[in-house]
PDB file of N, CA and C in Angstrom:
ATOM      1  N   MET A   1      -4.157 -10.522  -3.602  1.00  0.00           N
ATOM      2  CA  MET A   1      -5.212 -10.630  -4.602  1.00  0.00           C
ATOM      3  C   MET A   1      -4.662 -10.231  -5.972  1.00  0.00           C
ATOM      4  N   ALA A   2      -4.407  -8.923  -6.185  1.00  0.00           N
ATOM      5  CA  ALA A   2      -3.846  -8.494  -7.464  1.00  0.00           C
ATOM      6  C   ALA A   2      -3.216  -7.140  -7.331  1.00  0.00           C
ATOM      7  N   ALA A   3      -2.052  -7.031  -7.911  1.00  0.00           N
ATOM      8  CA  ALA A   3      -1.357  -5.743  -7.914  1.00  0.00           C
ATOM      9  C   ALA A   3      -1.668  -5.032  -9.208  1.00  0.00           C
ATOM     10  N   THR A   4      -1.804  -3.728  -9.136  1.00  0.00           N
ATOM     11  CA  THR A   4      -2.032  -2.916 -10.304  1.00  0.00           C
ATOM     12  C   THR A   4      -0.866  -1.958 -10.447  1.00  0.00           C
ATOM     13  N   PRO A   5      -0.128  -2.062 -11.562  1.00  0.00           N
ATOM     14  CA  PRO A   5       1.015  -1.156 -11.723  1.00  0.00           C
ATOM     15  C   PRO A   5       0.576   0.289 -11.798  1.00  0.00           C
ATOM     16  N   GLY A   6       1.536   1.183 -11.605  1.00  0.00           N
ATOM     17  CA  GLY A   6       1.263   2.612 -11.693  1.00  0.00           C
ATOM     18  C   GLY A   6       0.802   2.996 -13.078  1.00  0.00           C
ATOM     19  N   THR A   7       0.145   4.124 -13.175  1.00  0.00           N
ATOM     20  CA  THR A   7      -0.323   4.649 -14.440  1.00  0.00           C
ATOM     21  C   THR A   7       0.762   5.531 -15.034  1.00  0.00           C
ATOM     22  N   SER A   8       0.419   6.276 -16.081  1.00  0.00           N
ATOM     23  CA  SER A   8       1.377   7.184 -16.687  1.00  0.00           C
ATOM     24  C   SER A   8       1.696   8.357 -15.749  1.00  0.00           C
ATOM     25  N   ASP A   9       0.873   8.569 -14.744  1.00  0.00           N
ATOM     26  CA  ASP A   9       1.131   9.587 -13.720  1.00  0.00           C
ATOM     27  C   ASP A   9       2.368   9.143 -12.947  1.00  0.00           C
ATOM     28  N   SER A  10       3.438   9.944 -12.992  1.00  0.00           N
ATOM     29  CA  SER A  10       4.699   9.532 -12.390  1.00  0.00           C
ATOM     30  C   SER A  10       4.625   9.454 -10.862  1.00  0.00           C
ATOM     31  N   SER A  11       3.595  10.005 -10.254  1.00  0.00           N
ATOM     32  CA  SER A  11       3.482   9.937  -8.795  1.00  0.00           C
ATOM     33  C   SER A  11       2.846   8.618  -8.337  1.00  0.00           C
ATOM     34  N   SER A  12       2.223   7.881  -9.258  1.00  0.00           N
ATOM     35  CA  SER A  12       1.549   6.643  -8.877  1.00  0.00           C
ATOM     36  C   SER A  12       2.514   5.480  -8.838  1.00  0.00           C
ATOM     37  N   GLY A  13       2.538   4.806  -7.709  1.00  0.00           N
ATOM     38  CA  GLY A  13       3.340   3.607  -7.577  1.00  0.00           C
ATOM     39  C   GLY A  13       2.526   2.355  -7.800  1.00  0.00           C
ATOM     40  N   GLY A  14       1.226   2.531  -8.008  1.00  0.00           N
ATOM     41  CA  GLY A  14       0.337   1.396  -8.242  1.00  0.00           C
ATOM     42  C   GLY A  14      -0.664   1.212  -7.116  1.00  0.00           C
ATOM     43  N   ARG A  15      -1.337   0.101  -7.170  1.00  0.00           N
ATOM     44  CA  ARG A  15      -2.389  -0.234  -6.198  1.00  0.00           C
ATOM     45  C   ARG A  15      -2.292  -1.714  -5.904  1.00  0.00           C
ATOM     46  N   ILE A  16      -2.426  -2.055  -4.643  1.00  0.00           N
ATOM     47  CA  ILE A  16      -2.458  -3.456  -4.237  1.00  0.00           C
ATOM     48  C   ILE A  16      -3.835  -3.750  -3.686  1.00  0.00           C
ATOM     49  N   LEU A  17      -4.469  -4.775  -4.252  1.00  0.00           N
ATOM     50  CA  LEU A  17      -5.804  -5.179  -3.830  1.00  0.00           C
ATOM     51  C   LEU A  17      -5.689  -6.378  -2.888  1.00  0.00           C
ATOM     52  N   PHE A  18      -6.532  -6.400  -1.884  1.00  0.00           N
ATOM     53  CA  PHE A  18      -6.521  -7.462  -0.883  1.00  0.00           C
ATOM     54  C   PHE A  18      -7.860  -8.177  -0.862  1.00  0.00           C
ATOM     55  N   GLU A  19      -7.816  -9.427  -0.436  1.00  0.00           N
ATOM     56  CA  GLU A  19      -9.046 -10.160  -0.152  1.00  0.00           C
ATOM     57  C   GLU A  19      -9.670  -9.547   1.097  1.00  0.00           C
ATOM     58  N   PRO A  20     -10.998  -9.485   1.184  1.00  0.00           N
ATOM     59  CA  PRO A  20     -11.625  -8.951   2.417  1.00  0.00           C
ATOM     60  C   PRO A  20     -11.100  -9.684   3.645  1.00  0.00           C
ATOM     61  N   GLY A  21     -10.747  -8.911   4.652  1.00  0.00           N
ATOM     62  CA  GLY A  21     -10.270  -9.462   5.910  1.00  0.00           C
ATOM     63  C   GLY A  21      -8.816  -9.897   5.930  1.00  0.00           C
ATOM     64  N   SER A  22      -8.105  -9.761   4.800  1.00  0.00           N
ATOM     65  CA  SER A  22      -6.726 -10.244   4.710  1.00  0.00           C
ATOM     66  C   SER A  22      -5.725  -9.097   4.567  1.00  0.00           C
ATOM     67  N   ALA A  23      -4.516  -9.332   5.070  1.00  0.00           N
ATOM     68  CA  ALA A  23      -3.411  -8.407   4.879  1.00  0.00           C
ATOM     69  C   ALA A  23      -2.217  -9.124   4.239  1.00  0.00           C
ATOM     70  N   MET A  24      -2.476 -10.276   3.622  1.00  0.00           N
ATOM     71  CA  MET A  24      -1.424 -11.074   2.993  1.00  0.00           C
ATOM     72  C   MET A  24      -1.086 -10.541   1.605  1.00  0.00           C
ATOM     73  N   LEU A  25       0.221 -10.495   1.327  1.00  0.00           N
ATOM     74  CA  LEU A  25       0.696 -10.064   0.017  1.00  0.00           C
ATOM     75  C   LEU A  25       0.851 -11.281  -0.893  1.00  0.00           C
ATOM     76  N   SER A  26       0.347 -11.141  -2.121  1.00  0.00           N
ATOM     77  CA  SER A  26       0.482 -12.218  -3.104  1.00  0.00           C
ATOM     78  C   SER A  26       1.823 -12.095  -3.818  1.00  0.00           C
ATOM     79  N   ASP A  27       2.163 -13.094  -4.624  1.00  0.00           N
ATOM     80  CA  ASP A  27       3.391 -13.037  -5.416  1.00  0.00           C
ATOM     81  C   ASP A  27       3.348 -11.868  -6.394  1.00  0.00           C
ATOM     82  N   ASP A  28       2.193 -11.588  -6.984  1.00  0.00           N
ATOM     83  CA  ASP A  28       2.041 -10.432  -7.889  1.00  0.00           C
ATOM     84  C   ASP A  28       2.286  -9.130  -7.143  1.00  0.00           C
ATOM     85  N   ASP A  29       1.784  -9.052  -5.916  1.00  0.00           N
ATOM     86  CA  ASP A  29       2.005  -7.859  -5.085  1.00  0.00           C
ATOM     87  C   ASP A  29       3.492  -7.661  -4.849  1.00  0.00           C
ATOM     88  N   LYS A  30       4.170  -8.747  -4.534  1.00  0.00           N
ATOM     89  CA  LYS A  30       5.616  -8.672  -4.262  1.00  0.00           C
ATOM     90  C   LYS A  30       6.395  -8.262  -5.498  1.00  0.00           C
ATOM     91  N   THR A  31       5.955  -8.700  -6.665  1.00  0.00           N
ATOM     92  CA  THR A  31       6.595  -8.288  -7.921  1.00  0.00           C
ATOM     93  C   THR A  31       6.467  -6.768  -8.105  1.00  0.00           C
ATOM     94  N   LEU A  32       5.274  -6.237  -7.867  1.00  0.00           N
ATOM     95  CA  LEU A  32       5.073  -4.800  -7.949  1.00  0.00           C
ATOM     96  C   LEU A  32       5.951  -4.083  -6.915  1.00  0.00           C
ATOM     97  N   LEU A  33       5.972  -4.584  -5.711  1.00  0.00           N
ATOM     98  CA  LEU A  33       6.759  -3.941  -4.650  1.00  0.00           C
ATOM     99  C   LEU A  33       8.263  -4.017  -4.933  1.00  0.00           C
ATOM    100  N   ASP A  34       8.701  -5.060  -5.621  1.00  0.00           N
ATOM    101  CA  ASP A  34      10.101  -5.113  -6.054  1.00  0.00           C
ATOM    102  C   ASP A  34      10.418  -3.965  -7.004  1.00  0.00           C
ATOM    103  N   GLN A  35       9.478  -3.644  -7.897  1.00  0.00           N
ATOM    104  CA  GLN A  35       9.647  -2.528  -8.832  1.00  0.00           C
ATOM    105  C   GLN A  35       9.654  -1.200  -8.061  1.00  0.00           C
ATOM    106  N   VAL A  36       8.780  -1.077  -7.081  1.00  0.00           N
ATOM    107  CA  VAL A  36       8.726   0.132  -6.241  1.00  0.00           C
ATOM    108  C   VAL A  36      10.048   0.306  -5.505  1.00  0.00           C
ATOM    109  N   ALA A  37      10.571  -0.777  -4.923  1.00  0.00           N
ATOM    110  CA  ALA A  37      11.836  -0.713  -4.198  1.00  0.00           C
ATOM    111  C   ALA A  37      12.959  -0.275  -5.127  1.00  0.00           C
ATOM    112  N   GLN A  38      12.963  -0.786  -6.335  1.00  0.00           N
ATOM    113  CA  GLN A  38      13.987  -0.414  -7.306  1.00  0.00           C
ATOM    114  C   GLN A  38      13.920   1.084  -7.617  1.00  0.00           C
ATOM    115  N   LYS A  39      12.727   1.603  -7.811  1.00  0.00           N
ATOM    116  CA  LYS A  39      12.561   3.035  -8.085  1.00  0.00           C
ATOM    117  C   LYS A  39      13.029   3.859  -6.891  1.00  0.00           C
ATOM    118  N   LEU A  40      12.683   3.449  -5.692  1.00  0.00           N
ATOM    119  CA  LEU A  40      13.099   4.182  -4.500  1.00  0.00           C
ATOM    120  C   LEU A  40      14.617   4.138  -4.311  1.00  0.00           C
ATOM    121  N   GLU A  41      15.238   3.031  -4.702  1.00  0.00           N
ATOM    122  CA  GLU A  41      16.696   2.934  -4.638  1.00  0.00           C
ATOM    123  C   GLU A  41      17.350   3.873  -5.645  1.00  0.00           C
ATOM    124  N   GLN A  42      16.745   3.993  -6.820  1.00  0.00           N
ATOM    125  CA  GLN A  42      17.299   4.844  -7.884  1.00  0.00           C
ATOM    126  C   GLN A  42      17.109   6.323  -7.582  1.00  0.00           C
ATOM    127  N   GLU A  43      16.014   6.662  -6.935  1.00  0.00           N
ATOM    128  CA  GLU A  43      15.676   8.055  -6.666  1.00  0.00           C
ATOM    129  C   GLU A  43      15.595   8.259  -5.147  1.00  0.00           C
ATOM    130  N   GLN A  44      16.732   8.553  -4.568  1.00  0.00           N
ATOM    131  CA  GLN A  44      16.881   8.607  -3.116  1.00  0.00           C
ATOM    132  C   GLN A  44      16.082   9.729  -2.443  1.00  0.00           C
ATOM    133  N   ASP A  45      15.620  10.726  -3.209  1.00  0.00           N
ATOM    134  CA  ASP A  45      14.854  11.819  -2.616  1.00  0.00           C
ATOM    135  C   ASP A  45      13.354  11.518  -2.540  1.00  0.00           C
ATOM    136  N   LEU A  46      12.916  10.424  -3.156  1.00  0.00           N
ATOM    137  CA  LEU A  46      11.492  10.067  -3.141  1.00  0.00           C
ATOM    138  C   LEU A  46      11.105   9.425  -1.817  1.00  0.00           C
ATOM    139  N   ARG A  47       9.847   9.684  -1.442  1.00  0.00           N
ATOM    140  CA  ARG A  47       9.218   8.985  -0.321  1.00  0.00           C
ATOM    141  C   ARG A  47       8.012   8.281  -0.901  1.00  0.00           C
ATOM    142  N   LEU A  48       7.507   7.283  -0.191  1.00  0.00           N
ATOM    143  CA  LEU A  48       6.349   6.521  -0.654  1.00  0.00           C
ATOM    144  C   LEU A  48       5.218   6.676   0.345  1.00  0.00           C
ATOM    145  N   GLN A  49       4.067   7.161  -0.176  1.00  0.00           N
ATOM    146  CA  GLN A  49       2.867   7.265   0.657  1.00  0.00           C
ATOM    147  C   GLN A  49       2.016   6.018   0.436  1.00  0.00           C
ATOM    148  N   LEU A  50       1.583   5.430   1.535  1.00  0.00           N
ATOM    149  CA  LEU A  50       0.716   4.254   1.515  1.00  0.00           C
ATOM    150  C   LEU A  50      -0.647   4.664   2.067  1.00  0.00           C
ATOM    151  N   LEU A  51      -1.645   4.737   1.195  1.00  0.00           N
ATOM    152  CA  LEU A  51      -3.011   5.036   1.612  1.00  0.00           C
ATOM    153  C   LEU A  51      -3.762   3.718   1.671  1.00  0.00           C
ATOM    154  N   ALA A  52      -4.052   3.250   2.870  1.00  0.00           N
ATOM    155  CA  ALA A  52      -4.611   1.921   3.071  1.00  0.00           C
ATOM    156  C   ALA A  52      -6.092   1.993   3.446  1.00  0.00           C
ATOM    157  N   TYR A  53      -6.853   1.064   2.869  1.00  0.00           N
ATOM    158  CA  TYR A  53      -8.303   1.023   3.086  1.00  0.00           C
ATOM    159  C   TYR A  53      -8.739  -0.402   3.389  1.00  0.00           C
ATOM    160  N   ALA A  54      -9.891  -0.534   4.034  1.00  0.00           N
ATOM    161  CA  ALA A  54     -10.456  -1.856   4.313  1.00  0.00           C
ATOM    162  C   ALA A  54     -11.974  -1.748   4.372  1.00  0.00           C
ATOM    163  N   SER A  55     -12.668  -2.754   3.863  1.00  0.00           N
ATOM    164  CA  SER A  55     -14.125  -2.745   3.919  1.00  0.00           C
ATOM    165  C   SER A  55     -14.587  -2.932   5.354  1.00  0.00           C
ATOM    166  N   ASP A  56     -15.772  -2.471   5.606  1.00  0.00           N
ATOM    167  CA  ASP A  56     -16.369  -2.467   6.941  1.00  0.00           C
ATOM    168  C   ASP A  56     -17.441  -3.555   6.995  1.00  0.00           C
ATOM    169  N   ALA A  57     -17.039  -4.813   6.828  1.00  0.00           N
ATOM    170  CA  ALA A  57     -17.971  -5.923   6.679  1.00  0.00           C
ATOM    171  C   ALA A  57     -18.878  -6.130   7.894  1.00  0.00           C
ATOM    172  N   GLU A  58     -18.369  -5.877   9.082  1.00  0.00           N
ATOM    173  CA  GLU A  58     -19.169  -6.144  10.277  1.00  0.00           C
ATOM    174  C   GLU A  58     -19.649  -4.876  10.955  1.00  0.00           C
ATOM    175  N   GLY A  59     -19.597  -3.761  10.244  1.00  0.00           N
ATOM    176  CA  GLY A  59     -20.088  -2.506  10.807  1.00  0.00           C
ATOM    177  C   GLY A  59     -19.189  -1.916  11.868  1.00  0.00           C
ATOM    178  N   ASN A  60     -17.927  -2.286  11.896  1.00  0.00           N
ATOM    179  CA  ASN A  60     -17.015  -1.784  12.910  1.00  0.00           C
ATOM    180  C   ASN A  60     -15.884  -1.021  12.233  1.00  0.00           C
ATOM    181  N   SER A  61     -16.004   0.284  12.211  1.00  0.00           N
ATOM    182  CA  SER A  61     -15.003   1.095  11.522  1.00  0.00           C
ATOM    183  C   SER A  61     -13.638   1.037  12.205  1.00  0.00           C
ATOM    184  N   SER A  62     -13.610   0.756  13.503  1.00  0.00           N
ATOM    185  CA  SER A  62     -12.346   0.610  14.217  1.00  0.00           C
ATOM    186  C   SER A  62     -11.572  -0.613  13.710  1.00  0.00           C
ATOM    187  N   ASP A  63     -12.287  -1.715  13.487  1.00  0.00           N
ATOM    188  CA  ASP A  63     -11.649  -2.918  12.943  1.00  0.00           C
ATOM    189  C   ASP A  63     -11.161  -2.659  11.521  1.00  0.00           C
ATOM    190  N   ALA A  64     -11.936  -1.923  10.741  1.00  0.00           N
ATOM    191  CA  ALA A  64     -11.530  -1.605   9.363  1.00  0.00           C
ATOM    192  C   ALA A  64     -10.255  -0.759   9.382  1.00  0.00           C
ATOM    193  N   ARG A  65     -10.160   0.161  10.291  1.00  0.00           N
ATOM    194  CA  ARG A  65      -8.943   0.984  10.383  1.00  0.00           C
ATOM    195  C   ARG A  65      -7.737   0.144  10.778  1.00  0.00           C
ATOM    196  N   ARG A  66      -7.913  -0.768  11.727  1.00  0.00           N
ATOM    197  CA  ARG A  66      -6.825  -1.653  12.141  1.00  0.00           C
ATOM    198  C   ARG A  66      -6.362  -2.537  10.975  1.00  0.00           C
ATOM    199  N   LEU A  67      -7.323  -3.072  10.223  1.00  0.00           N
ATOM    200  CA  LEU A  67      -6.973  -3.916   9.084  1.00  0.00           C
ATOM    201  C   LEU A  67      -6.257  -3.105   8.021  1.00  0.00           C
ATOM    202  N   SER A  68      -6.721  -1.887   7.758  1.00  0.00           N
ATOM    203  CA  SER A  68      -6.043  -1.071   6.760  1.00  0.00           C
ATOM    204  C   SER A  68      -4.616  -0.765   7.204  1.00  0.00           C
ATOM    205  N   LEU A  69      -4.417  -0.504   8.487  1.00  0.00           N
ATOM    206  CA  LEU A  69      -3.068  -0.279   9.007  1.00  0.00           C
ATOM    207  C   LEU A  69      -2.205  -1.525   8.856  1.00  0.00           C
ATOM    208  N   SER A  70      -2.762  -2.691   9.139  1.00  0.00           N
ATOM    209  CA  SER A  70      -2.025  -3.946   8.977  1.00  0.00           C
ATOM    210  C   SER A  70      -1.565  -4.138   7.545  1.00  0.00           C
ATOM    211  N   ARG A  71      -2.399  -3.765   6.602  1.00  0.00           N
ATOM    212  CA  ARG A  71      -2.038  -3.878   5.181  1.00  0.00           C
ATOM    213  C   ARG A  71      -0.885  -2.944   4.831  1.00  0.00           C
ATOM    214  N   ALA A  72      -0.977  -1.713   5.267  1.00  0.00           N
ATOM    215  CA  ALA A  72       0.105  -0.749   4.991  1.00  0.00           C
ATOM    216  C   ALA A  72       1.402  -1.204   5.641  1.00  0.00           C
ATOM    217  N   LEU A  73       1.319  -1.716   6.860  1.00  0.00           N
ATOM    218  CA  LEU A  73       2.523  -2.159   7.556  1.00  0.00           C
ATOM    219  C   LEU A  73       3.131  -3.396   6.919  1.00  0.00           C
ATOM    220  N   ALA A  74       2.309  -4.262   6.335  1.00  0.00           N
ATOM    221  CA  ALA A  74       2.831  -5.435   5.616  1.00  0.00           C
ATOM    222  C   ALA A  74       3.639  -4.984   4.404  1.00  0.00           C
ATOM    223  N   ILE A  75       3.129  -3.990   3.701  1.00  0.00           N
ATOM    224  CA  ILE A  75       3.851  -3.453   2.533  1.00  0.00           C
ATOM    225  C   ILE A  75       5.143  -2.778   2.985  1.00  0.00           C
ATOM    226  N   ARG A  76       5.046  -1.978   4.027  1.00  0.00           N
ATOM    227  CA  ARG A  76       6.205  -1.272   4.560  1.00  0.00           C
ATOM    228  C   ARG A  76       7.274  -2.270   4.998  1.00  0.00           C
ATOM    229  N   ALA A  77       6.885  -3.320   5.708  1.00  0.00           N
ATOM    230  CA  ALA A  77       7.837  -4.335   6.172  1.00  0.00           C
ATOM    231  C   ALA A  77       8.526  -5.022   4.985  1.00  0.00           C
ATOM    232  N   TYR A  78       7.766  -5.314   3.948  1.00  0.00           N
ATOM    233  CA  TYR A  78       8.352  -5.956   2.775  1.00  0.00           C
ATOM    234  C   TYR A  78       9.423  -5.051   2.153  1.00  0.00           C
ATOM    235  N   LEU A  79       9.103  -3.752   2.032  1.00  0.00           N
ATOM    236  CA  LEU A  79      10.053  -2.821   1.428  1.00  0.00           C
ATOM    237  C   LEU A  79      11.254  -2.560   2.342  1.00  0.00           C
ATOM    238  N   ILE A  80      11.055  -2.568   3.628  1.00  0.00           N
ATOM    239  CA  ILE A  80      12.177  -2.434   4.561  1.00  0.00           C
ATOM    240  C   ILE A  80      13.118  -3.625   4.401  1.00  0.00           C
ATOM    241  N   ASP A  81      12.544  -4.816   4.236  1.00  0.00           N
ATOM    242  CA  ASP A  81      13.370  -6.019   3.989  1.00  0.00           C
ATOM    243  C   ASP A  81      14.168  -5.904   2.694  1.00  0.00           C
ATOM    244  N   LYS A  82      13.697  -5.073   1.771  1.00  0.00           N
ATOM    245  CA  LYS A  82      14.395  -4.829   0.504  1.00  0.00           C
ATOM    246  C   LYS A  82      15.432  -3.713   0.636  1.00  0.00           C
ATOM    247  N   GLY A  83      15.566  -3.143   1.837  1.00  0.00           N
ATOM    248  CA  GLY A  83      16.592  -2.141   2.085  1.00  0.00           C
ATOM    249  C   GLY A  83      16.124  -0.701   2.070  1.00  0.00           C
ATOM    250  N   ILE A  84      14.831  -0.469   2.009  1.00  0.00           N
ATOM    251  CA  ILE A  84      14.316   0.913   2.018  1.00  0.00           C
ATOM    252  C   ILE A  84      14.206   1.373   3.471  1.00  0.00           C
ATOM    253  N   ARG A  85      14.717   2.557   3.750  1.00  0.00           N
ATOM    254  CA  ARG A  85      14.709   3.091   5.120  1.00  0.00           C
ATOM    255  C   ARG A  85      13.280   3.442   5.575  1.00  0.00           C
ATOM    256  N   THR A  86      13.036   3.256   6.843  1.00  0.00           N
ATOM    257  CA  THR A  86      11.731   3.523   7.464  1.00  0.00           C
ATOM    258  C   THR A  86      11.268   4.960   7.245  1.00  0.00           C
ATOM    259  N   ALA A  87      12.180   5.901   7.300  1.00  0.00           N
ATOM    260  CA  ALA A  87      11.828   7.320   7.194  1.00  0.00           C
ATOM    261  C   ALA A  87      11.280   7.699   5.819  1.00  0.00           C
ATOM    262  N   ARG A  88      11.341   6.818   4.865  1.00  0.00           N
ATOM    263  CA  ARG A  88      10.890   7.129   3.503  1.00  0.00           C
ATOM    264  C   ARG A  88       9.428   6.779   3.260  1.00  0.00           C
ATOM    265  N   PHE A  89       8.719   6.391   4.323  1.00  0.00           N
ATOM    266  CA  PHE A  89       7.307   5.994   4.178  1.00  0.00           C
ATOM    267  C   PHE A  89       6.388   6.984   4.885  1.00  0.00           C
ATOM    268  N   ILE A  90       5.266   7.235   4.252  1.00  0.00           N
ATOM    269  CA  ILE A  90       4.150   7.977   4.862  1.00  0.00           C
ATOM    270  C   ILE A  90       2.994   6.987   4.876  1.00  0.00           C
ATOM    271  N   VAL A  91       2.567   6.575   6.057  1.00  0.00           N
ATOM    272  CA  VAL A  91       1.503   5.577   6.176  1.00  0.00           C
ATOM    273  C   VAL A  91       0.232   6.265   6.644  1.00  0.00           C
ATOM    274  N   ARG A  92      -0.847   6.037   5.908  1.00  0.00           N
ATOM    275  CA  ARG A  92      -2.155   6.593   6.260  1.00  0.00           C
ATOM    276  C   ARG A  92      -3.191   5.468   6.210  1.00  0.00           C
ATOM    277  N   ALA A  93      -3.663   5.084   7.389  1.00  0.00           N
ATOM    278  CA  ALA A  93      -4.696   4.051   7.496  1.00  0.00           C
ATOM    279  C   ALA A  93      -6.046   4.742   7.449  1.00  0.00           C
ATOM    280  N   GLN A  94      -6.762   4.588   6.355  1.00  0.00           N
ATOM    281  CA  GLN A  94      -8.032   5.278   6.140  1.00  0.00           C
ATOM    282  C   GLN A  94      -9.238   4.444   6.576  1.00  0.00           C
ATOM    283  N   GLY A  95      -9.014   3.172   6.874  1.00  0.00           N
ATOM    284  CA  GLY A  95     -10.128   2.324   7.303  1.00  0.00           C
ATOM    285  C   GLY A  95     -11.187   2.201   6.234  1.00  0.00           C
ATOM    286  N   ASP A  96     -12.442   2.409   6.632  1.00  0.00           N
ATOM    287  CA  ASP A  96     -13.569   2.226   5.701  1.00  0.00           C
ATOM    288  C   ASP A  96     -13.914   3.491   4.919  1.00  0.00           C
ATOM    289  N   ARG A  97     -13.065   4.487   4.931  1.00  0.00           N
ATOM    290  CA  ARG A  97     -13.291   5.722   4.147  1.00  0.00           C
ATOM    291  C   ARG A  97     -12.590   5.606   2.796  1.00  0.00           C
ATOM    292  N   TYR A  98     -13.052   4.685   1.965  1.00  0.00           N
ATOM    293  CA  TYR A  98     -12.324   4.348   0.755  1.00  0.00           C
ATOM    294  C   TYR A  98     -12.713   5.149  -0.469  1.00  0.00           C
ATOM    295  N   GLY A  99     -13.760   5.969  -0.418  1.00  0.00           N
ATOM    296  CA  GLY A  99     -14.110   6.844  -1.544  1.00  0.00           C
ATOM    297  C   GLY A  99     -14.215   6.088  -2.847  1.00  0.00           C
ATOM    298  N   GLU A 100     -13.514   6.587  -3.867  1.00  0.00           N
ATOM    299  CA  GLU A 100     -13.534   5.940  -5.178  1.00  0.00           C
ATOM    300  C   GLU A 100     -12.547   4.780  -5.192  1.00  0.00           C
ATOM    301  N   GLY A 101     -12.961   3.704  -5.822  1.00  0.00           N
ATOM    302  CA  GLY A 101     -12.082   2.545  -5.940  1.00  0.00           C
ATOM    303  C   GLY A 101     -12.524   1.417  -5.039  1.00  0.00           C
ATOM    304  N   PRO A 102     -11.865   0.271  -5.197  1.00  0.00           N
ATOM    305  CA  PRO A 102     -12.210  -0.882  -4.368  1.00  0.00           C
ATOM    306  C   PRO A 102     -11.951  -0.611  -2.878  1.00  0.00           C
ATOM    307  N   ALA A 103     -12.738  -1.213  -2.035  1.00  0.00           N
ATOM    308  CA  ALA A 103     -12.617  -0.976  -0.596  1.00  0.00           C
ATOM    309  C   ALA A 103     -11.348  -1.573  -0.008  1.00  0.00           C
ATOM    310  N   ASP A 104     -10.962  -2.741  -0.467  1.00  0.00           N
ATOM    311  CA  ASP A 104      -9.845  -3.476   0.136  1.00  0.00           C
ATOM    312  C   ASP A 104      -8.585  -3.284  -0.702  1.00  0.00           C
ATOM    313  N   ARG A 105      -7.871  -2.175  -0.404  1.00  0.00           N
ATOM    314  CA  ARG A 105      -6.714  -1.825  -1.228  1.00  0.00           C
ATOM    315  C   ARG A 105      -5.727  -0.971  -0.468  1.00  0.00           C
ATOM    316  N   VAL A 106      -4.534  -0.845  -1.048  1.00  0.00           N
ATOM    317  CA  VAL A 106      -3.554   0.145  -0.626  1.00  0.00           C
ATOM    318  C   VAL A 106      -3.074   0.836  -1.890  1.00  0.00           C
ATOM    319  N   ASP A 107      -3.223   2.162  -1.921  1.00  0.00           N
ATOM    320  CA  ASP A 107      -2.721   2.957  -3.048  1.00  0.00           C
ATOM    321  C   ASP A 107      -1.320   3.446  -2.691  1.00  0.00           C
ATOM    322  N   LEU A 108      -0.415   3.294  -3.645  1.00  0.00           N
ATOM    323  CA  LEU A 108       0.967   3.716  -3.468  1.00  0.00           C
ATOM    324  C   LEU A 108       1.229   4.945  -4.313  1.00  0.00           C
ATOM    325  N   SER A 109       1.801   5.980  -3.709  1.00  0.00           N
ATOM    326  CA  SER A 109       2.149   7.152  -4.500  1.00  0.00           C
ATOM    327  C   SER A 109       3.481   7.720  -4.019  1.00  0.00           C
ATOM    328  N   TYR A 110       4.254   8.185  -5.005  1.00  0.00           N
ATOM    329  CA  TYR A 110       5.567   8.756  -4.703  1.00  0.00           C
ATOM    330  C   TYR A 110       5.401  10.223  -4.332  1.00  0.00           C
ATOM    331  N   GLN A 111       6.193  10.633  -3.352  1.00  0.00           N
ATOM    332  CA  GLN A 111       6.196  12.029  -2.865  1.00  0.00           C
ATOM    333  C   GLN A 111       7.618  12.548  -2.880  1.00  0.00           C
ATOM    334  N   ASN A 112       7.785  13.813  -3.255  1.00  0.00           N
ATOM    335  CA  ASN A 112       9.120  14.433  -3.193  1.00  0.00           C
ATOM    336  C   ASN A 112       9.336  15.072  -1.860  1.00  0.00           C
TER     337      ASN A 112
END
């Protein structure tokens, strides 16, 4: 759908928005993830936390959690293909507990 670059907060890696029910990465998402991969390559002590969310369109929070996990894993797989080691990811599938912000998203944040 649309990638949102990080803010001036150095811990933010940005946000990736998804179409409801989808875990597909757009070309804009991949461009953002290429920048994230570059930062992770430059700063080897950083880890990336993926907080994934999904709307609960059919009233099934279990399905929302599975979809949010699928989104996080799609991002993780893309970055692994770019050479980032698996151990550098923290994946949290939040399902339909999206709090503030759009429901269908993955928030990226850097961790030391």
